[in-house]
Amino acid sequence: MAVRTRVAPKPTVAPPSKEPSPGDLICGQCGEGNEPVRKFCRRCGNSLATAEVATTSRSRRFLPQRKAKVLAAGERPEHRKFSFGTVVRVGSYVVLAAVLIGGIAYGALPQVRDAINSRVSGAVDAVTGSAPRPKPVAVASLTASSAIAEHPAARAIDPYVNTYWAASLSRDAHPKLTVTFAHAQNVSMMLFISGDTAAEASEPRPKTLHIVFSNGKSQDITLVDSAKPQQFGINGAHGITGMTIQIMSVYSSTSGNAVALADVEFFGSQ
C-alpha cells in the first residue's frame, strides 16, 4: 500500500494592520509599516535592513493634494478679499426670487393685480401726458332726507343752474342726499354749485359736506361761499354703486332758513 505524502499548507500572510505613512519601513516579509527608527519589524520580527521606504500613501497617491503655502520671513497670511462678483450674483438671485413671487401674486390675487395696473397706468399717463379726462357719470336715482315744496332732490342733478334742492334746517339740521348708480363706478371728481344762485345771500349755503361711499370709505369737502362751480378730486370711490352727501355746516343767510344746493355732478369711469 502506497504511502500518501502530506503537503503542508502554505502560510497566509495577513494584510498590514495599518496604512503605511510616508517614510515608514515596509517589512519585506509581512508588509507591515514600521517607524523609521526601528531595526526589526514590530509585527513579525524580521530584519528591516533591506526594507523598502514608503513614499505617498496608496489611498492618496492618485488624488491631487493642496500644498500649504510657505510664507517668507515677515509675510502675513492672506485673508479672503471682498468679491464684487459674489455680491452681484447673490443680488441677482434675490431679484429673480422677488420677480417670481411678484408674478405669482399678480396672477393669483386680483387686488394685487388691480393695484399694480392702476399704478402702472397712472405712471404712464403722467409721463406721456395722455391721462383720459373723466367722463360724466349718470345717476340712476336720487333721494333726500328732506326737501321743501317745489325744490325736491331731483333739482340738484337737473341740467339747469337756476333750480336747486332745498331743505329746512329747522326740521332737518343735517339734510342728506342719497345717490345710486346703475353700475359700479370709479368716481374721481365731483362738481358742486352752492346755494340759490338767484338770491345767493337770502338762504344758507352749504359749507362742509360729509360724503360716504358705498364701499365704506368717506371724504369731507369744504365749499367756498360762492355761487360759482366748484370742482373737487375724489379719493377712494372705486367700484362704488352710490354715495350719501350730507350737509354738516352752512354759511349763514340774511333771512332764510332753508339750505340750498343748486347742482351736483359726478365724473369718472366704470
C-alpha atoms as a PDB file:
ATOM      1  CA  MET A   1       0.000   0.000   0.000  1.00  0.00           C
ATOM      2  CA  ALA A   2       1.481   3.322  -1.129  1.00  0.00           C
ATOM      3  CA  VAL A   3       2.015   5.991   1.484  1.00  0.00           C
ATOM      4  CA  ARG A   4       0.443   9.348   0.542  1.00  0.00           C
ATOM      5  CA  THR A   5       2.773  12.253   1.106  1.00  0.00           C
ATOM      6  CA  ARG A   6       1.155  15.037   3.147  1.00  0.00           C
ATOM      7  CA  VAL A   7       1.724  18.516   1.786  1.00  0.00           C
ATOM      8  CA  ALA A   8       1.937  21.233   4.388  1.00  0.00           C
ATOM      9  CA  PRO A   9      -0.417  24.193   3.749  1.00  0.00           C
ATOM     10  CA  LYS A  10       1.184  27.403   2.639  1.00  0.00           C
ATOM     11  CA  PRO A  11       1.141  30.055   5.348  1.00  0.00           C
ATOM     12  CA  THR A  12      -1.082  33.025   4.555  1.00  0.00           C
ATOM     13  CA  VAL A  13       0.134  36.489   5.367  1.00  0.00           C
ATOM     14  CA  ALA A  14      -2.404  38.838   6.947  1.00  0.00           C
ATOM     15  CA  PRO A  15      -2.666  42.324   5.481  1.00  0.00           C
ATOM     16  CA  PRO A  16      -0.869  45.171   7.276  1.00  0.00           C
ATOM     17  CA  SER A  17      -2.569  46.320  10.436  1.00  0.00           C
ATOM     18  CA  LYS A  18      -2.483  49.980   9.286  1.00  0.00           C
ATOM     19  CA  GLU A  19      -1.866  52.068   6.210  1.00  0.00           C
ATOM     20  CA  PRO A  20       1.867  52.898   5.971  1.00  0.00           C
ATOM     21  CA  SER A  21       2.757  56.543   6.336  1.00  0.00           C
ATOM     22  CA  PRO A  22       5.359  58.251   4.155  1.00  0.00           C
ATOM     23  CA  GLY A  23       8.846  57.379   5.485  1.00  0.00           C
ATOM     24  CA  ASP A  24       7.780  54.090   7.135  1.00  0.00           C
ATOM     25  CA  LEU A  25       9.918  50.989   6.604  1.00  0.00           C
ATOM     26  CA  ILE A  26       7.877  48.283   4.847  1.00  0.00           C
ATOM     27  CA  CYS A  27       8.681  44.811   6.131  1.00  0.00           C
ATOM     28  CA  GLY A  28       9.645  42.563   3.211  1.00  0.00           C
ATOM     29  CA  GLN A  29       8.090  39.518   4.898  1.00  0.00           C
ATOM     30  CA  CYS A  30       4.681  40.666   6.244  1.00  0.00           C
ATOM     31  CA  GLY A  31       4.281  44.096   4.584  1.00  0.00           C
ATOM     32  CA  GLU A  32       3.767  45.911   7.882  1.00  0.00           C
ATOM     33  CA  GLY A  33       4.745  49.560   8.095  1.00  0.00           C
ATOM     34  CA  ASN A  34       7.306  50.400  10.788  1.00  0.00           C
ATOM     35  CA  GLU A  35       8.653  53.628  12.168  1.00  0.00           C
ATOM     36  CA  PRO A  36      11.950  54.659  10.542  1.00  0.00           C
ATOM     37  CA  VAL A  37      13.799  54.221  13.884  1.00  0.00           C
ATOM     38  CA  ARG A  38      13.001  50.503  14.173  1.00  0.00           C
ATOM     39  CA  LYS A  39      15.557  47.807  13.253  1.00  0.00           C
ATOM     40  CA  PHE A  40      13.145  44.886  13.286  1.00  0.00           C
ATOM     41  CA  CYS A  41       9.526  44.558  12.236  1.00  0.00           C
ATOM     42  CA  ARG A  42       7.175  45.252  15.099  1.00  0.00           C
ATOM     43  CA  ARG A  43       4.829  42.587  13.786  1.00  0.00           C
ATOM     44  CA  CYS A  44       6.903  39.569  12.687  1.00  0.00           C
ATOM     45  CA  GLY A  45      10.387  40.471  13.983  1.00  0.00           C
ATOM     46  CA  ASN A  46      12.015  40.293  10.542  1.00  0.00           C
ATOM     47  CA  SER A  47      15.082  42.492   9.959  1.00  0.00           C
ATOM     48  CA  LEU A  48      14.371  45.839   8.353  1.00  0.00           C
ATOM     49  CA  ALA A  49      17.889  46.292   6.971  1.00  0.00           C
ATOM     50  CA  THR A  50      16.680  45.913   3.386  1.00  0.00           C
ATOM     51  CA  ALA A  51      13.124  47.234   3.964  1.00  0.00           C
ATOM     52  CA  GLU A  52      11.510  49.470   1.366  1.00  0.00           C
ATOM     53  CA  VAL A  53      10.810  53.032   2.460  1.00  0.00           C
ATOM     54  CA  ALA A  54       7.126  54.075   1.982  1.00  0.00           C
ATOM     55  CA  THR A  55       6.547  57.233  -0.045  1.00  0.00           C
ATOM     56  CA  THR A  56       2.999  58.555  -0.718  1.00  0.00           C
ATOM     57  CA  SER A  57       0.111  56.775   0.941  1.00  0.00           C
ATOM     58  CA  ARG A  58      -1.582  54.429  -1.527  1.00  0.00           C
ATOM     59  CA  SER A  59      -5.023  55.925  -0.884  1.00  0.00           C
ATOM     60  CA  ARG A  60      -3.721  59.423  -1.701  1.00  0.00           C
ATOM     61  CA  ARG A  61      -1.353  58.514  -4.492  1.00  0.00           C
ATOM     62  CA  PHE A  62      -3.740  59.424  -7.291  1.00  0.00           C
ATOM     63  CA  LEU A  63      -5.509  62.370  -5.588  1.00  0.00           C
ATOM     64  CA  PRO A  64      -4.215  65.929  -6.084  1.00  0.00           C
ATOM     65  CA  GLN A  65      -3.092  67.402  -2.802  1.00  0.00           C
ATOM     66  CA  ARG A  66      -3.245  71.058  -1.897  1.00  0.00           C
ATOM     67  CA  LYS A  67       0.141  72.223  -0.755  1.00  0.00           C
ATOM     68  CA  ALA A  68       0.438  74.664   2.081  1.00  0.00           C
ATOM     69  CA  LYS A  69       1.882  77.996   1.102  1.00  0.00           C
ATOM     70  CA  VAL A  70       5.305  78.630   2.554  1.00  0.00           C
ATOM     71  CA  LEU A  71       5.439  82.172   3.878  1.00  0.00           C
ATOM     72  CA  ALA A  72       8.555  84.235   3.525  1.00  0.00           C
ATOM     73  CA  ALA A  73      10.068  85.939   6.538  1.00  0.00           C
ATOM     74  CA  GLY A  74       7.787  88.778   7.684  1.00  0.00           C
ATOM     75  CA  GLU A  75       4.937  87.786   5.322  1.00  0.00           C
ATOM     76  CA  ARG A  76       1.443  87.531   6.800  1.00  0.00           C
ATOM     77  CA  PRO A  77      -1.218  85.045   5.752  1.00  0.00           C
ATOM     78  CA  GLU A  78      -3.610  86.427   3.150  1.00  0.00           C
ATOM     79  CA  HIS A  79      -7.273  86.870   4.127  1.00  0.00           C
ATOM     80  CA  ARG A  80     -10.076  86.301   1.642  1.00  0.00           C
ATOM     81  CA  LYS A  81     -10.775  89.575  -0.135  1.00  0.00           C
ATOM     82  CA  PHE A  82     -14.162  91.191  -0.829  1.00  0.00           C
ATOM     83  CA  SER A  83     -15.618  89.886  -4.073  1.00  0.00           C
ATOM     84  CA  PHE A  84     -17.910  92.243  -6.017  1.00  0.00           C
ATOM     85  CA  GLY A  85     -18.855  89.376  -8.292  1.00  0.00           C
ATOM     86  CA  THR A  86     -20.262  87.426  -5.350  1.00  0.00           C
ATOM     87  CA  VAL A  87     -22.418  90.386  -4.320  1.00  0.00           C
ATOM     88  CA  VAL A  88     -23.754  90.743  -7.883  1.00  0.00           C
ATOM     89  CA  ARG A  89     -24.510  87.034  -8.066  1.00  0.00           C
ATOM     90  CA  VAL A  90     -26.386  86.994  -4.741  1.00  0.00           C
ATOM     91  CA  GLY A  91     -28.253  90.178  -5.690  1.00  0.00           C
ATOM     92  CA  SER A  92     -29.393  88.648  -8.976  1.00  0.00           C
ATOM     93  CA  TYR A  93     -30.767  85.642  -7.071  1.00  0.00           C
ATOM     94  CA  VAL A  94     -32.727  87.962  -4.753  1.00  0.00           C
ATOM     95  CA  VAL A  95     -34.158  89.956  -7.669  1.00  0.00           C
ATOM     96  CA  LEU A  96     -35.113  86.775  -9.514  1.00  0.00           C
ATOM     97  CA  ALA A  97     -36.911  85.439  -6.425  1.00  0.00           C
ATOM     98  CA  ALA A  98     -38.764  88.761  -5.946  1.00  0.00           C
ATOM     99  CA  VAL A  99     -39.877  88.785  -9.596  1.00  0.00           C
ATOM    100  CA  LEU A 100     -41.062  85.186  -9.324  1.00  0.00           C
ATOM    101  CA  ILE A 101     -43.057  85.837  -6.125  1.00  0.00           C
ATOM    102  CA  GLY A 102     -44.492  89.053  -7.606  1.00  0.00           C
ATOM    103  CA  GLY A 103     -45.581  87.220 -10.748  1.00  0.00           C
ATOM    104  CA  ILE A 104     -47.355  84.569  -8.711  1.00  0.00           C
ATOM    105  CA  ALA A 105     -49.118  87.231  -6.596  1.00  0.00           C
ATOM    106  CA  TYR A 106     -50.091  89.196  -9.729  1.00  0.00           C
ATOM    107  CA  GLY A 107     -51.696  86.134 -11.286  1.00  0.00           C
ATOM    108  CA  ALA A 108     -53.356  84.760  -8.164  1.00  0.00           C
ATOM    109  CA  LEU A 109     -54.562  87.870  -6.284  1.00  0.00           C
ATOM    110  CA  PRO A 110     -56.977  90.219  -8.111  1.00  0.00           C
ATOM    111  CA  GLN A 111     -56.449  93.035  -5.604  1.00  0.00           C
ATOM    112  CA  VAL A 112     -52.692  92.959  -6.217  1.00  0.00           C
ATOM    113  CA  ARG A 113     -53.243  92.884  -9.980  1.00  0.00           C
ATOM    114  CA  ASP A 114     -55.646  95.845  -9.869  1.00  0.00           C
ATOM    115  CA  ALA A 115     -53.304  97.890  -7.687  1.00  0.00           C
ATOM    116  CA  ILE A 116     -50.325  97.242  -9.983  1.00  0.00           C
ATOM    117  CA  ASN A 117     -52.337  98.008 -13.114  1.00  0.00           C
ATOM    118  CA  SER A 118     -53.595 101.249 -11.582  1.00  0.00           C
ATOM    119  CA  ARG A 119     -50.098 102.373 -10.571  1.00  0.00           C
ATOM    120  CA  VAL A 120     -48.567 101.462 -13.936  1.00  0.00           C
ATOM    121  CA  SER A 121     -51.374 103.192 -15.833  1.00  0.00           C
ATOM    122  CA  GLY A 122     -51.029 106.297 -13.674  1.00  0.00           C
ATOM    123  CA  ALA A 123     -47.249 106.388 -14.178  1.00  0.00           C
ATOM    124  CA  VAL A 124     -47.595 106.007 -17.960  1.00  0.00           C
ATOM    125  CA  ASP A 125     -50.232 108.735 -18.082  1.00  0.00           C
ATOM    126  CA  ALA A 126     -48.056 111.057 -16.007  1.00  0.00           C
ATOM    127  CA  VAL A 127     -45.047 110.525 -18.306  1.00  0.00           C
ATOM    128  CA  THR A 128     -46.889 110.681 -21.616  1.00  0.00           C
ATOM    129  CA  GLY A 129     -49.476 113.261 -20.576  1.00  0.00           C
ATOM    130  CA  SER A 130     -52.196 111.059 -22.024  1.00  0.00           C
ATOM    131  CA  ALA A 131     -54.388 110.715 -18.944  1.00  0.00           C
ATOM    132  CA  PRO A 132     -58.010 110.423 -20.118  1.00  0.00           C
ATOM    133  CA  ARG A 133     -60.432 113.092 -18.952  1.00  0.00           C
ATOM    134  CA  PRO A 134     -63.099 111.809 -16.539  1.00  0.00           C
ATOM    135  CA  LYS A 135     -66.459 111.231 -18.149  1.00  0.00           C
ATOM    136  CA  PRO A 136     -69.820 112.240 -16.649  1.00  0.00           C
ATOM    137  CA  VAL A 137     -71.396 109.528 -14.511  1.00  0.00           C
ATOM    138  CA  ALA A 138     -75.146 109.198 -14.826  1.00  0.00           C
ATOM    139  CA  VAL A 139     -77.282 108.997 -11.685  1.00  0.00           C
ATOM    140  CA  ALA A 140     -79.840 106.174 -11.587  1.00  0.00           C
ATOM    141  CA  SER A 141     -81.795 107.505  -8.596  1.00  0.00           C
ATOM    142  CA  LEU A 142     -81.622 110.315  -6.071  1.00  0.00           C
ATOM    143  CA  THR A 143     -83.492 110.819  -2.792  1.00  0.00           C
ATOM    144  CA  ALA A 144     -83.255 113.374   0.004  1.00  0.00           C
ATOM    145  CA  SER A 145     -83.769 113.112   3.740  1.00  0.00           C
ATOM    146  CA  SER A 146     -85.982 116.185   3.426  1.00  0.00           C
ATOM    147  CA  ALA A 147     -86.937 118.885   0.924  1.00  0.00           C
ATOM    148  CA  ILE A 148     -89.164 121.962   0.868  1.00  0.00           C
ATOM    149  CA  ALA A 149     -92.036 122.315  -1.603  1.00  0.00           C
ATOM    150  CA  GLU A 150     -91.098 122.951  -5.236  1.00  0.00           C
ATOM    151  CA  HIS A 151     -87.392 122.209  -4.531  1.00  0.00           C
ATOM    152  CA  PRO A 152     -87.101 118.386  -4.454  1.00  0.00           C
ATOM    153  CA  ALA A 153     -83.849 116.397  -4.545  1.00  0.00           C
ATOM    154  CA  ALA A 154     -84.048 115.966  -8.340  1.00  0.00           C
ATOM    155  CA  ARG A 155     -83.382 119.699  -8.764  1.00  0.00           C
ATOM    156  CA  ALA A 156     -79.762 119.097  -7.662  1.00  0.00           C
ATOM    157  CA  ILE A 157     -78.967 116.947 -10.704  1.00  0.00           C
ATOM    158  CA  ASP A 158     -81.129 118.519 -13.418  1.00  0.00           C
ATOM    159  CA  PRO A 159     -79.393 120.354 -16.302  1.00  0.00           C
ATOM    160  CA  TYR A 160     -80.421 123.808 -15.071  1.00  0.00           C
ATOM    161  CA  VAL A 161     -78.342 126.053 -12.797  1.00  0.00           C
ATOM    162  CA  ASN A 162     -81.257 128.278 -11.781  1.00  0.00           C
ATOM    163  CA  THR A 163     -83.031 125.394  -9.979  1.00  0.00           C
ATOM    164  CA  TYR A 164     -81.944 123.881  -6.674  1.00  0.00           C
ATOM    165  CA  TRP A 165     -82.667 121.346  -3.930  1.00  0.00           C
ATOM    166  CA  ALA A 166     -83.505 122.964  -0.617  1.00  0.00           C
ATOM    167  CA  ALA A 167     -84.145 121.603   2.882  1.00  0.00           C
ATOM    168  CA  SER A 168     -85.335 123.341   6.034  1.00  0.00           C
ATOM    169  CA  LEU A 169     -82.613 123.375   8.715  1.00  0.00           C
ATOM    170  CA  SER A 170     -85.220 123.802  11.457  1.00  0.00           C
ATOM    171  CA  ARG A 171     -86.723 120.393  10.591  1.00  0.00           C
ATOM    172  CA  ASP A 172     -83.525 118.650   9.360  1.00  0.00           C
ATOM    173  CA  ALA A 173     -80.313 120.014  10.868  1.00  0.00           C
ATOM    174  CA  HIS A 174     -78.081 117.907   8.582  1.00  0.00           C
ATOM    175  CA  PRO A 175     -80.008 117.141   5.379  1.00  0.00           C
ATOM    176  CA  LYS A 176     -78.704 114.373   3.172  1.00  0.00           C
ATOM    177  CA  LEU A 177     -78.834 113.292  -0.476  1.00  0.00           C
ATOM    178  CA  THR A 178     -78.617 109.574  -1.340  1.00  0.00           C
ATOM    179  CA  VAL A 179     -77.303 108.811  -4.824  1.00  0.00           C
ATOM    180  CA  THR A 180     -77.250 105.452  -6.640  1.00  0.00           C
ATOM    181  CA  PHE A 181     -75.658 104.468  -9.964  1.00  0.00           C
ATOM    182  CA  ALA A 182     -76.858 101.827 -12.414  1.00  0.00           C
ATOM    183  CA  HIS A 183     -73.407 100.170 -12.498  1.00  0.00           C
ATOM    184  CA  ALA A 184     -70.282 100.177 -10.343  1.00  0.00           C
ATOM    185  CA  GLN A 185     -68.329 103.363 -10.982  1.00  0.00           C
ATOM    186  CA  ASN A 186     -64.913 104.825 -10.219  1.00  0.00           C
ATOM    187  CA  VAL A 187     -65.759 108.392  -9.275  1.00  0.00           C
ATOM    188  CA  SER A 188     -62.675 110.603  -9.396  1.00  0.00           C
ATOM    189  CA  MET A 189     -64.182 114.098  -9.465  1.00  0.00           C
ATOM    190  CA  MET A 190     -67.329 115.927  -8.302  1.00  0.00           C
ATOM    191  CA  LEU A 191     -68.695 119.390  -9.107  1.00  0.00           C
ATOM    192  CA  PHE A 192     -70.918 121.496  -6.855  1.00  0.00           C
ATOM    193  CA  ILE A 193     -72.833 124.748  -7.299  1.00  0.00           C
ATOM    194  CA  SER A 194     -73.788 126.037  -3.890  1.00  0.00           C
ATOM    195  CA  GLY A 195     -76.962 127.826  -2.795  1.00  0.00           C
ATOM    196  CA  ASP A 196     -79.799 129.610  -4.537  1.00  0.00           C
ATOM    197  CA  THR A 197     -77.967 131.329  -7.392  1.00  0.00           C
ATOM    198  CA  ALA A 198     -80.847 133.737  -7.976  1.00  0.00           C
ATOM    199  CA  ALA A 199     -80.769 135.032  -4.401  1.00  0.00           C
ATOM    200  CA  GLU A 200     -77.388 133.918  -3.113  1.00  0.00           C
ATOM    201  CA  ALA A 201     -77.347 135.660   0.277  1.00  0.00           C
ATOM    202  CA  SER A 202     -81.004 135.106   1.160  1.00  0.00           C
ATOM    203  CA  GLU A 203     -80.632 131.392   2.029  1.00  0.00           C
ATOM    204  CA  PRO A 204     -77.939 129.420   3.896  1.00  0.00           C
ATOM    205  CA  ARG A 205     -75.281 127.880   1.643  1.00  0.00           C
ATOM    206  CA  PRO A 206     -73.597 124.500   2.277  1.00  0.00           C
ATOM    207  CA  LYS A 207     -70.143 124.774   3.782  1.00  0.00           C
ATOM    208  CA  THR A 208     -68.963 121.314   4.924  1.00  0.00           C
ATOM    209  CA  LEU A 209     -70.098 118.136   3.178  1.00  0.00           C
ATOM    210  CA  HIS A 210     -69.564 114.626   4.538  1.00  0.00           C
ATOM    211  CA  ILE A 211     -69.615 112.074   1.703  1.00  0.00           C
ATOM    212  CA  VAL A 212     -69.852 108.335   2.406  1.00  0.00           C
ATOM    213  CA  PHE A 213     -69.287 105.921  -0.489  1.00  0.00           C
ATOM    214  CA  SER A 214     -70.979 102.543  -0.861  1.00  0.00           C
ATOM    215  CA  ASN A 215     -67.623 100.786  -0.329  1.00  0.00           C
ATOM    216  CA  GLY A 216     -67.470 102.156   3.240  1.00  0.00           C
ATOM    217  CA  LYS A 217     -64.890 104.880   2.597  1.00  0.00           C
ATOM    218  CA  SER A 218     -65.642 108.559   3.128  1.00  0.00           C
ATOM    219  CA  GLN A 219     -64.389 112.053   2.360  1.00  0.00           C
ATOM    220  CA  ASP A 220     -65.100 115.529   3.743  1.00  0.00           C
ATOM    221  CA  ILE A 221     -65.300 118.544   1.426  1.00  0.00           C
ATOM    222  CA  THR A 222     -65.373 122.233   2.353  1.00  0.00           C
ATOM    223  CA  LEU A 223     -67.058 124.538  -0.153  1.00  0.00           C
ATOM    224  CA  VAL A 224     -66.196 128.202  -0.501  1.00  0.00           C
ATOM    225  CA  ASP A 225     -69.028 130.713  -0.122  1.00  0.00           C
ATOM    226  CA  SER A 226     -69.576 131.306  -3.827  1.00  0.00           C
ATOM    227  CA  ALA A 227     -72.255 130.619  -6.427  1.00  0.00           C
ATOM    228  CA  LYS A 228     -69.627 129.619  -8.994  1.00  0.00           C
ATOM    229  CA  PRO A 229     -68.996 125.934  -9.877  1.00  0.00           C
ATOM    230  CA  GLN A 230     -66.528 124.225  -7.508  1.00  0.00           C
ATOM    231  CA  GLN A 231     -64.652 121.101  -8.543  1.00  0.00           C
ATOM    232  CA  PHE A 232     -63.075 118.561  -6.158  1.00  0.00           C
ATOM    233  CA  GLY A 233     -60.941 115.457  -6.629  1.00  0.00           C
ATOM    234  CA  ILE A 234     -62.437 112.344  -5.031  1.00  0.00           C
ATOM    235  CA  ASN A 235     -60.363 109.653  -3.320  1.00  0.00           C
ATOM    236  CA  GLY A 236     -61.362 106.081  -2.524  1.00  0.00           C
ATOM    237  CA  ALA A 237     -64.560 105.968  -4.600  1.00  0.00           C
ATOM    238  CA  HIS A 238     -63.574 102.895  -6.641  1.00  0.00           C
ATOM    239  CA  GLY A 239     -66.178 100.344  -7.692  1.00  0.00           C
ATOM    240  CA  ILE A 240     -68.993 102.162  -5.895  1.00  0.00           C
ATOM    241  CA  THR A 241     -72.695 101.878  -6.647  1.00  0.00           C
ATOM    242  CA  GLY A 242     -73.716 105.006  -4.778  1.00  0.00           C
ATOM    243  CA  MET A 243     -72.981 107.511  -2.020  1.00  0.00           C
ATOM    244  CA  THR A 244     -74.584 109.831   0.524  1.00  0.00           C
ATOM    245  CA  ILE A 245     -73.871 113.576   0.621  1.00  0.00           C
ATOM    246  CA  GLN A 246     -74.681 115.141   3.985  1.00  0.00           C
ATOM    247  CA  ILE A 247     -74.546 118.855   4.777  1.00  0.00           C
ATOM    248  CA  MET A 248     -72.741 119.223   8.105  1.00  0.00           C
ATOM    249  CA  SER A 249     -72.387 123.024   8.321  1.00  0.00           C
ATOM    250  CA  VAL A 250     -73.561 126.117   6.388  1.00  0.00           C
ATOM    251  CA  TYR A 251     -72.737 129.728   5.648  1.00  0.00           C
ATOM    252  CA  SER A 252     -75.418 131.775   7.395  1.00  0.00           C
ATOM    253  CA  SER A 253     -78.007 133.805   5.486  1.00  0.00           C
ATOM    254  CA  THR A 254     -79.561 137.221   5.967  1.00  0.00           C
ATOM    255  CA  SER A 255     -83.108 135.940   6.473  1.00  0.00           C
ATOM    256  CA  GLY A 256     -83.850 132.412   5.240  1.00  0.00           C
ATOM    257  CA  ASN A 257     -83.572 129.063   6.972  1.00  0.00           C
ATOM    258  CA  ALA A 258     -83.522 126.641   4.027  1.00  0.00           C
ATOM    259  CA  VAL A 259     -80.106 125.408   2.851  1.00  0.00           C
ATOM    260  CA  ALA A 260     -79.867 125.135  -0.928  1.00  0.00           C
ATOM    261  CA  LEU A 261     -77.693 123.137  -3.319  1.00  0.00           C
ATOM    262  CA  ALA A 262     -78.100 124.078  -6.984  1.00  0.00           C
ATOM    263  CA  ASP A 263     -76.084 121.378  -8.728  1.00  0.00           C
ATOM    264  CA  VAL A 264     -74.130 118.157  -8.084  1.00  0.00           C
ATOM    265  CA  GLU A 265     -72.295 116.375 -10.906  1.00  0.00           C
ATOM    266  CA  PHE A 266     -70.187 113.205 -10.916  1.00  0.00           C
ATOM    267  CA  PHE A 267     -67.231 112.287 -13.161  1.00  0.00           C
ATOM    268  CA  GLY A 268     -65.160 109.137 -13.509  1.00  0.00           C
ATOM    269  CA  SER A 269     -65.222 105.771 -15.267  1.00  0.00           C
ATOM    270  CA  GLN A 270     -66.710 102.301 -14.961  1.00  0.00           C
END
